[in-house]
Amino acid sequence: MRTISIDTNACDRSPGCPARRVCPRGAITPVPGGAYPGANGYTVNDDLCTGCGICARVCPVGAVQLG
């Protein structure tokens, strides 16, 4: 199975993260803390992620990567 990772240096930390919105399993979640959801970046819950790659296709900055 493919794994998904998020490059925190490339992530724009948008509160409306398109990758998070399209994930059919809700596997992309904001890192806790910060002034708004996503201010500290996002993480992938490997227990929920199926590796479908939809999130990587819609990430506008290429921060979501398939492994």
N, C-alpha and C. Protein backbone atom coordinates (compact mmCIF):
# COMPACT_ATOMS: atom_id res chain seq x y z
N MET A 1 0.84 -1.18 0.00
CA MET A 1 0.00 0.00 0.00
C MET A 1 0.88 1.25 0.00
N ARG A 2 0.45 2.26 -0.75
CA ARG A 2 1.18 3.51 -0.79
C ARG A 2 0.96 4.29 0.50
N THR A 3 1.96 5.08 0.86
CA THR A 3 1.82 5.94 2.02
C THR A 3 1.81 7.39 1.57
N ILE A 4 1.16 8.21 2.34
CA ILE A 4 1.04 9.63 2.06
C ILE A 4 1.82 10.38 3.13
N SER A 5 2.56 11.40 2.71
CA SER A 5 3.24 12.26 3.67
C SER A 5 3.02 13.71 3.25
N ILE A 6 3.17 14.61 4.21
CA ILE A 6 2.99 16.03 3.95
C ILE A 6 4.30 16.74 4.26
N ASP A 7 4.85 17.41 3.28
CA ASP A 7 6.07 18.19 3.45
C ASP A 7 5.70 19.50 4.13
N THR A 8 6.01 19.62 5.41
CA THR A 8 5.60 20.80 6.17
C THR A 8 6.28 22.08 5.68
N ASN A 9 7.44 21.95 5.03
CA ASN A 9 8.10 23.13 4.49
C ASN A 9 7.39 23.65 3.24
N ALA A 10 6.78 22.77 2.47
CA ALA A 10 6.07 23.17 1.26
C ALA A 10 4.61 23.55 1.52
N CYS A 11 4.03 23.03 2.59
CA CYS A 11 2.62 23.26 2.91
C CYS A 11 2.37 24.75 3.16
N ASP A 12 1.30 25.28 2.55
CA ASP A 12 0.96 26.69 2.76
C ASP A 12 0.09 26.92 4.00
N ARG A 13 -0.26 25.84 4.69
CA ARG A 13 -1.01 25.89 5.95
C ARG A 13 -2.37 26.59 5.83
N SER A 14 -3.00 26.41 4.70
CA SER A 14 -4.30 27.01 4.45
C SER A 14 -5.37 26.40 5.35
N PRO A 15 -6.21 27.23 5.97
CA PRO A 15 -7.30 26.65 6.77
C PRO A 15 -8.33 25.91 5.90
N GLY A 16 -8.34 26.21 4.61
CA GLY A 16 -9.25 25.53 3.68
C GLY A 16 -8.53 24.49 2.84
N CYS A 17 -7.56 23.83 3.39
CA CYS A 17 -6.70 22.86 2.69
C CYS A 17 -7.52 21.97 1.75
N PRO A 18 -7.27 22.07 0.43
CA PRO A 18 -8.02 21.24 -0.52
C PRO A 18 -7.75 19.75 -0.34
N ALA A 19 -6.53 19.39 0.01
CA ALA A 19 -6.21 17.98 0.21
C ALA A 19 -7.02 17.40 1.37
N ARG A 20 -7.15 18.17 2.41
CA ARG A 20 -7.95 17.73 3.56
C ARG A 20 -9.42 17.59 3.18
N ARG A 21 -9.92 18.53 2.40
CA ARG A 21 -11.34 18.52 2.03
C ARG A 21 -11.70 17.33 1.16
N VAL A 22 -10.79 16.88 0.29
CA VAL A 22 -11.14 15.79 -0.63
C VAL A 22 -10.87 14.40 -0.08
N CYS A 23 -10.17 14.29 1.03
CA CYS A 23 -9.85 12.97 1.57
C CYS A 23 -11.13 12.22 1.93
N PRO A 24 -11.39 11.09 1.26
CA PRO A 24 -12.64 10.36 1.52
C PRO A 24 -12.69 9.72 2.90
N ARG A 25 -11.56 9.58 3.55
CA ARG A 25 -11.52 8.94 4.86
C ARG A 25 -11.28 9.91 6.00
N GLY A 26 -11.07 11.19 5.71
CA GLY A 26 -10.80 12.17 6.77
C GLY A 26 -9.45 11.95 7.44
N ALA A 27 -8.49 11.44 6.67
CA ALA A 27 -7.19 11.07 7.25
C ALA A 27 -6.24 12.25 7.43
N ILE A 28 -6.51 13.38 6.79
CA ILE A 28 -5.65 14.56 6.93
C ILE A 28 -6.27 15.48 7.97
N THR A 29 -5.51 15.73 9.03
CA THR A 29 -6.00 16.56 10.11
C THR A 29 -4.99 17.65 10.47
N PRO A 30 -5.47 18.77 11.00
CA PRO A 30 -4.55 19.83 11.40
C PRO A 30 -3.71 19.41 12.60
N VAL A 31 -2.46 19.85 12.61
CA VAL A 31 -1.62 19.67 13.79
C VAL A 31 -2.21 20.58 14.87
N PRO A 32 -2.40 20.09 16.08
CA PRO A 32 -3.02 20.91 17.14
C PRO A 32 -2.26 22.20 17.42
N GLY A 33 -3.02 23.20 17.88
CA GLY A 33 -2.45 24.48 18.26
C GLY A 33 -2.49 25.46 17.10
N GLY A 34 -2.01 26.65 17.35
CA GLY A 34 -1.99 27.67 16.31
C GLY A 34 -3.21 28.57 16.38
N ALA A 35 -3.15 29.64 15.62
CA ALA A 35 -4.21 30.64 15.63
C ALA A 35 -5.47 30.18 14.90
N TYR A 36 -5.35 29.21 14.01
CA TYR A 36 -6.48 28.68 13.25
C TYR A 36 -6.16 27.24 12.87
N PRO A 37 -7.16 26.43 12.53
CA PRO A 37 -6.89 25.05 12.13
C PRO A 37 -5.96 25.02 10.92
N GLY A 38 -4.85 24.33 11.07
CA GLY A 38 -3.88 24.21 10.00
C GLY A 38 -2.70 25.18 10.13
N ALA A 39 -2.76 26.09 11.08
CA ALA A 39 -1.67 27.06 11.25
C ALA A 39 -0.33 26.38 11.52
N ASN A 40 -0.37 25.23 12.15
CA ASN A 40 0.85 24.46 12.43
C ASN A 40 1.08 23.36 11.40
N GLY A 41 0.31 23.37 10.33
CA GLY A 41 0.43 22.35 9.30
C GLY A 41 -0.57 21.22 9.48
N TYR A 42 -0.41 20.20 8.69
CA TYR A 42 -1.32 19.06 8.69
C TYR A 42 -0.54 17.76 8.83
N THR A 43 -1.24 16.75 9.27
CA THR A 43 -0.64 15.43 9.42
C THR A 43 -1.59 14.39 8.83
N VAL A 44 -1.06 13.22 8.55
CA VAL A 44 -1.86 12.13 7.98
C VAL A 44 -2.01 11.04 9.03
N ASN A 45 -3.24 10.65 9.29
CA ASN A 45 -3.52 9.54 10.20
C ASN A 45 -3.40 8.25 9.38
N ASP A 46 -2.31 7.54 9.59
CA ASP A 46 -2.04 6.32 8.82
C ASP A 46 -3.08 5.23 9.05
N ASP A 47 -3.77 5.27 10.18
CA ASP A 47 -4.80 4.27 10.45
C ASP A 47 -6.03 4.48 9.56
N LEU A 48 -6.25 5.72 9.13
CA LEU A 48 -7.40 6.02 8.28
C LEU A 48 -7.05 6.07 6.80
N CYS A 49 -5.82 6.42 6.48
CA CYS A 49 -5.40 6.62 5.09
C CYS A 49 -5.33 5.28 4.34
N THR A 50 -5.90 5.27 3.13
CA THR A 50 -5.85 4.07 2.28
C THR A 50 -4.81 4.21 1.17
N GLY A 51 -4.17 5.38 1.07
CA GLY A 51 -3.15 5.59 0.04
C GLY A 51 -3.73 5.84 -1.34
N CYS A 52 -4.97 6.30 -1.42
CA CYS A 52 -5.63 6.49 -2.72
C CYS A 52 -4.96 7.58 -3.56
N GLY A 53 -4.36 8.59 -2.93
CA GLY A 53 -3.63 9.63 -3.65
C GLY A 53 -4.45 10.80 -4.14
N ILE A 54 -5.74 10.82 -3.85
CA ILE A 54 -6.57 11.94 -4.26
C ILE A 54 -6.02 13.25 -3.70
N CYS A 55 -5.60 13.23 -2.46
CA CYS A 55 -5.08 14.43 -1.81
C CYS A 55 -3.85 14.99 -2.52
N ALA A 56 -2.98 14.11 -2.98
CA ALA A 56 -1.75 14.54 -3.67
C ALA A 56 -2.08 15.20 -5.00
N ARG A 57 -3.13 14.73 -5.65
CA ARG A 57 -3.50 15.31 -6.94
C ARG A 57 -4.08 16.71 -6.81
N VAL A 58 -4.70 17.02 -5.68
CA VAL A 58 -5.33 18.34 -5.55
C VAL A 58 -4.52 19.36 -4.76
N CYS A 59 -3.45 18.94 -4.12
CA CYS A 59 -2.65 19.89 -3.33
C CYS A 59 -2.03 20.92 -4.28
N PRO A 60 -2.38 22.21 -4.13
CA PRO A 60 -1.91 23.22 -5.07
C PRO A 60 -0.43 23.55 -4.98
N VAL A 61 0.20 23.19 -3.85
CA VAL A 61 1.62 23.51 -3.68
C VAL A 61 2.51 22.27 -3.71
N GLY A 62 1.94 21.10 -3.94
CA GLY A 62 2.70 19.87 -4.04
C GLY A 62 3.27 19.37 -2.72
N ALA A 63 2.65 19.77 -1.61
CA ALA A 63 3.15 19.38 -0.30
C ALA A 63 2.79 17.95 0.06
N VAL A 64 1.72 17.43 -0.52
CA VAL A 64 1.28 16.06 -0.23
C VAL A 64 1.97 15.13 -1.23
N GLN A 65 2.67 14.13 -0.69
CA GLN A 65 3.47 13.26 -1.54
C GLN A 65 3.14 11.80 -1.30
N LEU A 66 3.17 11.03 -2.38
CA LEU A 66 2.97 9.59 -2.30
C LEU A 66 4.30 8.92 -2.07
N GLY A 67 4.30 7.95 -1.17
CA GLY A 67 5.54 7.23 -0.89
C GLY A 67 5.47 5.80 -1.24
